[in-house]
Structures are given as structure tokens and as C-alpha cells.
mmCIF file of all heavy atoms, coordinates in Angstrom:
data_MODEL
# 
_entry.id   MODEL 
# 
loop_
_atom_site.group_PDB 
_atom_site.id 
_atom_site.type_symbol 
_atom_site.label_atom_id 
_atom_site.label_alt_id 
_atom_site.label_comp_id 
_atom_site.label_asym_id 
_atom_site.label_entity_id 
_atom_site.label_seq_id 
_atom_site.pdbx_PDB_ins_code 
_atom_site.Cartn_x 
_atom_site.Cartn_y 
_atom_site.Cartn_z 
_atom_site.occupancy 
_atom_site.B_iso_or_equiv 
_atom_site.pdbx_formal_charge 
_atom_site.auth_seq_id 
_atom_site.auth_comp_id 
_atom_site.auth_asym_id 
_atom_site.auth_atom_id 
_atom_site.pdbx_PDB_model_num 
ATOM 1   N N   . VAL A 1 1  ? 97.263  104.211 98.456  1.00 0.00 ? 1  VAL A N   1 
ATOM 2   C CA  . VAL A 1 1  ? 97.751  103.748 97.156  1.00 0.00 ? 1  VAL A CA  1 
ATOM 3   C C   . VAL A 1 1  ? 98.818  102.690 97.375  1.00 0.00 ? 1  VAL A C   1 
ATOM 4   O O   . VAL A 1 1  ? 99.955  103.007 97.742  1.00 0.00 ? 1  VAL A O   1 
ATOM 5   C CB  . VAL A 1 1  ? 98.322  104.910 96.307  1.00 0.00 ? 1  VAL A CB  1 
ATOM 6   C CG1 . VAL A 1 1  ? 98.858  104.384 94.978  1.00 0.00 ? 1  VAL A CG1 1 
ATOM 7   C CG2 . VAL A 1 1  ? 97.279  105.990 96.080  1.00 0.00 ? 1  VAL A CG2 1 
ATOM 8   N N   . GLY A 1 2  ? 98.442  101.422 97.226  1.00 0.00 ? 2  GLY A N   1 
ATOM 9   C CA  . GLY A 1 2  ? 99.420  100.352 97.343  1.00 0.00 ? 2  GLY A CA  1 
ATOM 10  C C   . GLY A 1 2  ? 100.108 100.287 98.692  1.00 0.00 ? 2  GLY A C   1 
ATOM 11  O O   . GLY A 1 2  ? 101.316 100.036 98.762  1.00 0.00 ? 2  GLY A O   1 
ATOM 12  N N   . GLY A 1 3  ? 99.347  100.548 99.757  1.00 0.00 ? 3  GLY A N   1 
ATOM 13  C CA  . GLY A 1 3  ? 99.933  100.473 101.092 1.00 0.00 ? 3  GLY A CA  1 
ATOM 14  C C   . GLY A 1 3  ? 100.549 101.773 101.561 1.00 0.00 ? 3  GLY A C   1 
ATOM 15  O O   . GLY A 1 3  ? 101.031 101.857 102.700 1.00 0.00 ? 3  GLY A O   1 
ATOM 16  N N   . ARG A 1 4  ? 100.534 102.811 100.734 1.00 0.00 ? 4  ARG A N   1 
ATOM 17  C CA  . ARG A 1 4  ? 101.066 104.115 101.124 1.00 0.00 ? 4  ARG A CA  1 
ATOM 18  C C   . ARG A 1 4  ? 99.942  105.132 101.221 1.00 0.00 ? 4  ARG A C   1 
ATOM 19  O O   . ARG A 1 4  ? 98.923  105.019 100.553 1.00 0.00 ? 4  ARG A O   1 
ATOM 20  C CB  . ARG A 1 4  ? 102.095 104.611 100.103 1.00 0.00 ? 4  ARG A CB  1 
ATOM 21  C CG  . ARG A 1 4  ? 103.357 103.771 100.032 1.00 0.00 ? 4  ARG A CG  1 
ATOM 22  C CD  . ARG A 1 4  ? 104.383 104.458 99.125  1.00 0.00 ? 4  ARG A CD  1 
ATOM 23  N NE  . ARG A 1 4  ? 103.948 104.470 97.725  1.00 0.00 ? 4  ARG A NE  1 
ATOM 24  C CZ  . ARG A 1 4  ? 104.463 105.283 96.795  1.00 0.00 ? 4  ARG A CZ  1 
ATOM 25  N NH1 . ARG A 1 4  ? 105.390 106.172 97.134  1.00 0.00 ? 4  ARG A NH1 1 
ATOM 26  N NH2 . ARG A 1 4  ? 104.033 105.210 95.546  1.00 0.00 ? 4  ARG A NH2 1 
ATOM 27  N N   . GLU A 1 5  ? 100.129 106.137 102.071 1.00 0.00 ? 5  GLU A N   1 
ATOM 28  C CA  . GLU A 1 5  ? 99.201  107.253 102.165 1.00 0.00 ? 5  GLU A CA  1 
ATOM 29  C C   . GLU A 1 5  ? 99.819  108.424 101.415 1.00 0.00 ? 5  GLU A C   1 
ATOM 30  O O   . GLU A 1 5  ? 100.844 108.974 101.843 1.00 0.00 ? 5  GLU A O   1 
ATOM 31  C CB  . GLU A 1 5  ? 98.942  107.621 103.625 1.00 0.00 ? 5  GLU A CB  1 
ATOM 32  C CG  . GLU A 1 5  ? 98.231  106.548 104.430 1.00 0.00 ? 5  GLU A CG  1 
ATOM 33  C CD  . GLU A 1 5  ? 96.781  106.384 104.010 1.00 0.00 ? 5  GLU A CD  1 
ATOM 34  O OE1 . GLU A 1 5  ? 96.145  107.402 103.668 1.00 0.00 ? 5  GLU A OE1 1 
ATOM 35  O OE2 . GLU A 1 5  ? 96.274  105.244 104.023 1.00 0.00 ? 5  GLU A OE2 1 
ATOM 36  N N   . LEU A 1 6  ? 99.205  108.801 100.298 1.00 0.00 ? 6  LEU A N   1 
ATOM 37  C CA  . LEU A 1 6  ? 99.759  109.867 99.464  1.00 0.00 ? 6  LEU A CA  1 
ATOM 38  C C   . LEU A 1 6  ? 98.852  111.089 99.493  1.00 0.00 ? 6  LEU A C   1 
ATOM 39  O O   . LEU A 1 6  ? 97.622  110.955 99.423  1.00 0.00 ? 6  LEU A O   1 
ATOM 40  C CB  . LEU A 1 6  ? 99.900  109.397 98.018  1.00 0.00 ? 6  LEU A CB  1 
ATOM 41  C CG  . LEU A 1 6  ? 100.868 108.240 97.732  1.00 0.00 ? 6  LEU A CG  1 
ATOM 42  C CD1 . LEU A 1 6  ? 100.863 107.927 96.235  1.00 0.00 ? 6  LEU A CD1 1 
ATOM 43  C CD2 . LEU A 1 6  ? 102.274 108.593 98.203  1.00 0.00 ? 6  LEU A CD2 1 
ATOM 44  N N   . PRO A 1 7  ? 99.423  112.297 99.590  1.00 0.00 ? 7  PRO A N   1 
ATOM 45  C CA  . PRO A 1 7  ? 98.597  113.490 99.421  1.00 0.00 ? 7  PRO A CA  1 
ATOM 46  C C   . PRO A 1 7  ? 97.891  113.430 98.073  1.00 0.00 ? 7  PRO A C   1 
ATOM 47  O O   . PRO A 1 7  ? 98.458  112.942 97.092  1.00 0.00 ? 7  PRO A O   1 
ATOM 48  C CB  . PRO A 1 7  ? 99.610  114.642 99.463  1.00 0.00 ? 7  PRO A CB  1 
ATOM 49  C CG  . PRO A 1 7  ? 100.804 114.078 100.164 1.00 0.00 ? 7  PRO A CG  1 
ATOM 50  C CD  . PRO A 1 7  ? 100.843 112.624 99.822  1.00 0.00 ? 7  PRO A CD  1 
ATOM 51  N N   . MET A 1 8  ? 96.659  113.915 98.032  1.00 0.00 ? 8  MET A N   1 
ATOM 52  C CA  . MET A 1 8  ? 95.873  113.829 96.805  1.00 0.00 ? 8  MET A CA  1 
ATOM 53  C C   . MET A 1 8  ? 96.635  114.385 95.606  1.00 0.00 ? 8  MET A C   1 
ATOM 54  O O   . MET A 1 8  ? 96.582  113.827 94.507  1.00 0.00 ? 8  MET A O   1 
ATOM 55  C CB  . MET A 1 8  ? 94.565  114.594 96.967  1.00 0.00 ? 8  MET A CB  1 
ATOM 56  C CG  . MET A 1 8  ? 93.666  114.559 95.754  1.00 0.00 ? 8  MET A CG  1 
ATOM 57  S SD  . MET A 1 8  ? 92.183  115.551 95.958  1.00 0.00 ? 8  MET A SD  1 
ATOM 58  C CE  . MET A 1 8  ? 92.898  117.159 96.263  1.00 0.00 ? 8  MET A CE  1 
ATOM 59  N N   . ALA A 1 9  ? 97.367  115.480 95.802  1.00 0.00 ? 9  ALA A N   1 
ATOM 60  C CA  . ALA A 1 9  ? 98.090  116.107 94.693  1.00 0.00 ? 9  ALA A CA  1 
ATOM 61  C C   . ALA A 1 9  ? 99.097  115.161 94.055  1.00 0.00 ? 9  ALA A C   1 
ATOM 62  O O   . ALA A 1 9  ? 99.368  115.252 92.854  1.00 0.00 ? 9  ALA A O   1 
ATOM 63  C CB  . ALA A 1 9  ? 98.784  117.380 95.168  1.00 0.00 ? 9  ALA A CB  1 
ATOM 64  N N   . GLU A 1 10 ? 99.641  114.223 94.836  1.00 0.00 ? 10 GLU A N   1 
ATOM 65  C CA  . GLU A 1 10 ? 100.628 113.282 94.301  1.00 0.00 ? 10 GLU A CA  1 
ATOM 66  C C   . GLU A 1 10 ? 99.995  112.152 93.506  1.00 0.00 ? 10 GLU A C   1 
ATOM 67  O O   . GLU A 1 10 ? 100.701 111.357 92.886  1.00 0.00 ? 10 GLU A O   1 
ATOM 68  C CB  . GLU A 1 10 ? 101.480 112.712 95.435  1.00 0.00 ? 10 GLU A CB  1 
ATOM 69  C CG  . GLU A 1 10 ? 102.394 113.743 96.080  1.00 0.00 ? 10 GLU A CG  1 
ATOM 70  C CD  . GLU A 1 10 ? 103.336 113.129 97.115  1.00 0.00 ? 10 GLU A CD  1 
ATOM 71  O OE1 . GLU A 1 10 ? 103.551 111.888 97.078  1.00 0.00 ? 10 GLU A OE1 1 
ATOM 72  O OE2 . GLU A 1 10 ? 103.844 113.884 97.963  1.00 0.00 ? 10 GLU A OE2 1 
ATOM 73  N N   . THR A 1 11 ? 98.668  112.067 93.512  1.00 0.00 ? 11 THR A N   1 
ATOM 74  C CA  . THR A 1 11 ? 97.991  111.044 92.705  1.00 0.00 ? 11 THR A CA  1 
ATOM 75  C C   . THR A 1 11 ? 97.525  111.600 91.364  1.00 0.00 ? 11 THR A C   1 
ATOM 76  O O   . THR A 1 11 ? 96.977  110.864 90.552  1.00 0.00 ? 11 THR A O   1 
ATOM 77  C CB  . THR A 1 11 ? 96.777  110.453 93.451  1.00 0.00 ? 11 THR A CB  1 
ATOM 78  O OG1 . THR A 1 11 ? 95.753  111.454 93.574  1.00 0.00 ? 11 THR A OG1 1 
ATOM 79  C CG2 . THR A 1 11 ? 97.175  109.951 94.830  1.00 0.00 ? 11 THR A CG2 1 
ATOM 80  N N   . LEU A 1 12 ? 97.728  112.886 91.137  1.00 0.00 ? 12 LEU A N   1 
ATOM 81  C CA  . LEU A 1 12 ? 97.415  113.475 89.837  1.00 0.00 ? 12 LEU A CA  1 
ATOM 82  C C   . LEU A 1 12 ? 98.476  113.038 88.845  1.00 0.00 ? 12 LEU A C   1 
ATOM 83  O O   . LEU A 1 12 ? 99.658  112.922 89.188  1.00 0.00 ? 12 LEU A O   1 
ATOM 84  C CB  . LEU A 1 12 ? 97.363  114.995 89.933  1.00 0.00 ? 12 LEU A CB  1 
ATOM 85  C CG  . LEU A 1 12 ? 96.381  115.573 90.967  1.00 0.00 ? 12 LEU A CG  1 
ATOM 86  C CD1 . LEU A 1 12 ? 96.482  117.098 90.999  1.00 0.00 ? 12 LEU A CD1 1 
ATOM 87  C CD2 . LEU A 1 12 ? 94.951  115.143 90.662  1.00 0.00 ? 12 LEU A CD2 1 
ATOM 88  N N   . VAL A 1 13 ? 98.087  112.791 87.603  1.00 0.00 ? 13 VAL A N   1 
ATOM 89  C CA  . VAL A 1 13 ? 98.993  112.228 86.587  1.00 0.00 ? 13 VAL A CA  1 
ATOM 90  C C   . VAL A 1 13 ? 99.695  111.020 87.219  1.00 0.00 ? 13 VAL A C   1 
ATOM 91  O O   . VAL A 1 13 ? 100.924 110.925 87.233  1.00 0.00 ? 13 VAL A O   1 
ATOM 92  C CB  . VAL A 1 13 ? 100.008 113.279 86.084  1.00 0.00 ? 13 VAL A CB  1 
ATOM 93  C CG1 . VAL A 1 13 ? 100.678 112.786 84.811  1.00 0.00 ? 13 VAL A CG1 1 
ATOM 94  C CG2 . VAL A 1 13 ? 99.345  114.616 85.824  1.00 0.00 ? 13 VAL A CG2 1 
ATOM 95  N N   . GLY A 1 14 ? 98.862  110.097 87.763  1.00 0.00 ? 14 GLY A N   1 
ATOM 96  C CA  . GLY A 1 14 ? 99.391  109.019 88.603  1.00 0.00 ? 14 GLY A CA  1 
ATOM 97  C C   . GLY A 1 14 ? 99.421  107.650 87.974  1.00 0.00 ? 14 GLY A C   1 
ATOM 98  O O   . GLY A 1 14 ? 99.461  106.650 88.693  1.00 0.00 ? 14 GLY A O   1 
ATOM 99  N N   . GLY A 1 15 ? 99.408  107.561 86.638  1.00 0.00 ? 15 GLY A N   1 
ATOM 100 C CA  . GLY A 1 15 ? 99.405  106.249 86.005  1.00 0.00 ? 15 GLY A CA  1 
ATOM 101 C C   . GLY A 1 15 ? 100.604 105.404 86.364  1.00 0.00 ? 15 GLY A C   1 
ATOM 102 O O   . GLY A 1 15 ? 100.506 104.171 86.461  1.00 0.00 ? 15 GLY A O   1 
ATOM 103 N N   . ALA A 1 16 ? 101.742 106.038 86.582  1.00 0.00 ? 16 ALA A N   1 
ATOM 104 C CA  . ALA A 1 16 ? 102.955 105.290 86.914  1.00 0.00 ? 16 ALA A CA  1 
ATOM 105 C C   . ALA A 1 16 ? 102.859 104.597 88.267  1.00 0.00 ? 16 ALA A C   1 
ATOM 106 O O   . ALA A 1 16 ? 103.649 103.694 88.564  1.00 0.00 ? 16 ALA A O   1 
ATOM 107 C CB  . ALA A 1 16 ? 104.161 106.233 86.891  1.00 0.00 ? 16 ALA A CB  1 
ATOM 108 N N   . LEU A 1 17 ? 101.886 104.988 89.092  1.00 0.00 ? 17 LEU A N   1 
ATOM 109 C CA  . LEU A 1 17 ? 101.717 104.372 90.411  1.00 0.00 ? 17 LEU A CA  1 
ATOM 110 C C   . LEU A 1 17 ? 100.990 103.034 90.345  1.00 0.00 ? 17 LEU A C   1 
ATOM 111 O O   . LEU A 1 17 ? 100.958 102.301 91.329  1.00 0.00 ? 17 LEU A O   1 
ATOM 112 C CB  . LEU A 1 17 ? 100.919 105.312 91.329  1.00 0.00 ? 17 LEU A CB  1 
ATOM 113 C CG  . LEU A 1 17 ? 101.528 106.687 91.635  1.00 0.00 ? 17 LEU A CG  1 
ATOM 114 C CD1 . LEU A 1 17 ? 100.497 107.557 92.338  1.00 0.00 ? 17 LEU A CD1 1 
ATOM 115 C CD2 . LEU A 1 17 ? 102.781 106.528 92.497  1.00 0.00 ? 17 LEU A CD2 1 
ATOM 116 N N   . ILE A 1 18 ? 100.400 102.697 89.183  1.00 0.00 ? 18 ILE A N   1 
ATOM 117 C CA  . ILE A 1 18 ? 99.523  101.529 89.113  1.00 0.00 ? 18 ILE A CA  1 
ATOM 118 C C   . ILE A 1 18 ? 100.271 100.201 88.973  1.00 0.00 ? 18 ILE A C   1 
ATOM 119 O O   . ILE A 1 18 ? 99.962  99.236  89.694  1.00 0.00 ? 18 ILE A O   1 
ATOM 120 C CB  . ILE A 1 18 ? 98.501  101.694 87.963  1.00 0.00 ? 18 ILE A CB  1 
ATOM 121 C CG1 . ILE A 1 18 ? 97.645  102.940 88.208  1.00 0.00 ? 18 ILE A CG1 1 
ATOM 122 C CG2 . ILE A 1 18 ? 97.619  100.456 87.840  1.00 0.00 ? 18 ILE A CG2 1 
ATOM 123 C CD1 . ILE A 1 18 ? 96.674  103.254 87.083  1.00 0.00 ? 18 ILE A CD1 1 
ATOM 124 N N   . PRO A 1 19 ? 101.239 100.054 88.051  1.00 0.00 ? 19 PRO A N   1 
ATOM 125 C CA  . PRO A 1 19 ? 101.818 98.721  87.822  1.00 0.00 ? 19 PRO A CA  1 
ATOM 126 C C   . PRO A 1 19 ? 102.476 98.086  89.033  1.00 0.00 ? 19 PRO A C   1 
ATOM 127 O O   . PRO A 1 19 ? 102.415 96.859  89.186  1.00 0.00 ? 19 PRO A O   1 
ATOM 128 C CB  . PRO A 1 19 ? 102.839 98.978  86.705  1.00 0.00 ? 19 PRO A CB  1 
ATOM 129 C CG  . PRO A 1 19 ? 102.328 100.196 85.990  1.00 0.00 ? 19 PRO A CG  1 
ATOM 130 C CD  . PRO A 1 19 ? 101.745 101.039 87.067  1.00 0.00 ? 19 PRO A CD  1 
ATOM 131 N N   . GLY A 1 20 ? 103.079 98.866  89.908  1.00 0.00 ? 20 GLY A N   1 
ATOM 132 C CA  . GLY A 1 20 ? 103.770 98.296  91.062  1.00 0.00 ? 20 GLY A CA  1 
ATOM 133 C C   . GLY A 1 20 ? 102.861 97.473  91.951  1.00 0.00 ? 20 GLY A C   1 
ATOM 134 O O   . GLY A 1 20 ? 102.998 96.241  92.045  1.00 0.00 ? 20 GLY A O   1 
ATOM 135 N N   . PRO A 1 21 ? 101.908 98.095  92.626  1.00 0.00 ? 21 PRO A N   1 
ATOM 136 C CA  . PRO A 1 21 ? 100.982 97.325  93.477  1.00 0.00 ? 21 PRO A CA  1 
ATOM 137 C C   . PRO A 1 21 ? 100.001 96.483  92.672  1.00 0.00 ? 21 PRO A C   1 
ATOM 138 O O   . PRO A 1 21 ? 99.492  95.477  93.175  1.00 0.00 ? 21 PRO A O   1 
ATOM 139 C CB  . PRO A 1 21 ? 100.255 98.403  94.277  1.00 0.00 ? 21 PRO A CB  1 
ATOM 140 C CG  . PRO A 1 21 ? 100.409 99.654  93.498  1.00 0.00 ? 21 PRO A CG  1 
ATOM 141 C CD  . PRO A 1 21 ? 101.717 99.544  92.777  1.00 0.00 ? 21 PRO A CD  1 
ATOM 142 N N   . GLY A 1 22 ? 99.705  96.867  91.441  1.00 0.00 ? 22 GLY A N   1 
ATOM 143 C CA  . GLY A 1 22 ? 98.772  96.111  90.608  1.00 0.00 ? 22 GLY A CA  1 
ATOM 144 C C   . GLY A 1 22 ? 97.349  96.615  90.731  1.00 0.00 ? 22 GLY A C   1 
ATOM 145 O O   . GLY A 1 22 ? 96.959  97.225  91.735  1.00 0.00 ? 22 GLY A O   1 
ATOM 146 N N   . LEU A 1 23 ? 96.567  96.344  89.713  1.00 0.00 ? 23 LEU A N   1 
ATOM 147 C CA  . LEU A 1 23 ? 95.211  96.865  89.629  1.00 0.00 ? 23 LEU A CA  1 
ATOM 148 C C   . LEU A 1 23 ? 94.318  96.340  90.753  1.00 0.00 ? 23 LEU A C   1 
ATOM 149 O O   . LEU A 1 23 ? 93.545  97.092  91.348  1.00 0.00 ? 23 LEU A O   1 
ATOM 150 C CB  . LEU A 1 23 ? 94.619  96.499  88.262  1.00 0.00 ? 23 LEU A CB  1 
ATOM 151 C CG  . LEU A 1 23 ? 93.508  97.392  87.709  1.00 0.00 ? 23 LEU A CG  1 
ATOM 152 C CD1 . LEU A 1 23 ? 93.981  98.837  87.579  1.00 0.00 ? 23 LEU A CD1 1 
ATOM 153 C CD2 . LEU A 1 23 ? 93.026  96.873  86.363  1.00 0.00 ? 23 LEU A CD2 1 
ATOM 154 N N   . GLY A 1 24 ? 94.415  95.046  91.062  1.00 0.00 ? 24 GLY A N   1 
ATOM 155 C CA  . GLY A 1 24 ? 93.570  94.471  92.101  1.00 0.00 ? 24 GLY A CA  1 
ATOM 156 C C   . GLY A 1 24 ? 93.802  95.120  93.450  1.00 0.00 ? 24 GLY A C   1 
ATOM 157 O O   . GLY A 1 24 ? 92.858  95.460  94.170  1.00 0.00 ? 24 GLY A O   1 
ATOM 158 N N   . ARG A 1 25 ? 95.061  95.302  93.833  1.00 0.00 ? 25 ARG A N   1 
ATOM 159 C CA  . ARG A 1 25 ? 95.390  95.914  95.117  1.00 0.00 ? 25 ARG A CA  1 
ATOM 160 C C   . ARG A 1 25 ? 94.856  97.348  95.182  1.00 0.00 ? 25 ARG A C   1 
ATOM 161 O O   . ARG A 1 25 ? 94.313  97.773  96.213  1.00 0.00 ? 25 ARG A O   1 
ATOM 162 C CB  . ARG A 1 25 ? 96.912  95.909  95.317  1.00 0.00 ? 25 ARG A CB  1 
ATOM 163 C CG  . ARG A 1 25 ? 97.412  96.725  96.523  1.00 0.00 ? 25 ARG A CG  1 
ATOM 164 C CD  . ARG A 1 25 ? 96.948  96.116  97.839  1.00 0.00 ? 25 ARG A CD  1 
ATOM 165 N NE  . ARG A 1 25 ? 97.263  96.955  98.980  1.00 0.00 ? 25 ARG A NE  1 
ATOM 166 C CZ  . ARG A 1 25 ? 98.430  96.929  99.645  1.00 0.00 ? 25 ARG A CZ  1 
ATOM 167 N NH1 . ARG A 1 25 ? 99.393  96.090  99.268  1.00 0.00 ? 25 ARG A NH1 1 
ATOM 168 N NH2 . ARG A 1 25 ? 98.625  97.708  100.677 1.00 0.00 ? 25 ARG A NH2 1 
ATOM 169 N N   . LEU A 1 26 ? 94.983  98.100  94.105  1.00 0.00 ? 26 LEU A N   1 
ATOM 170 C CA  . LEU A 1 26 ? 94.553  99.493  94.120  1.00 0.00 ? 26 LEU A CA  1 
ATOM 171 C C   . LEU A 1 26 ? 93.032  99.611  94.190  1.00 0.00 ? 26 LEU A C   1 
ATOM 172 O O   . LEU A 1 26 ? 92.504  100.509 94.859  1.00 0.00 ? 26 LEU A O   1 
ATOM 173 C CB  . LEU A 1 26 ? 95.087  100.218 92.884  1.00 0.00 ? 26 LEU A CB  1 
ATOM 174 C CG  . LEU A 1 26 ? 96.608  100.392 92.851  1.00 0.00 ? 26 LEU A CG  1 
ATOM 175 C CD1 . LEU A 1 26 ? 97.037  101.068 91.563  1.00 0.00 ? 26 LEU A CD1 1 
ATOM 176 C CD2 . LEU A 1 26 ? 97.106  101.188 94.056  1.00 0.00 ? 26 LEU A CD2 1 
# 
């Protein structure tokens, strides 16, 4: 996710993770 390796559980309810790296990068 945006250059980071996140445990799957941390991507749940993960909308806030999108704007930083941007849609294309993700």
C-alpha cells in the first residue's frame, strides 16, 4: 500500500490510506 507492507487487518476500513499515495500508485 503506497510503498508500505501492511498486515491485511490494517487495510480494513482503509479509505484514509488512499489519498496520500494516490489512486494510480495503489
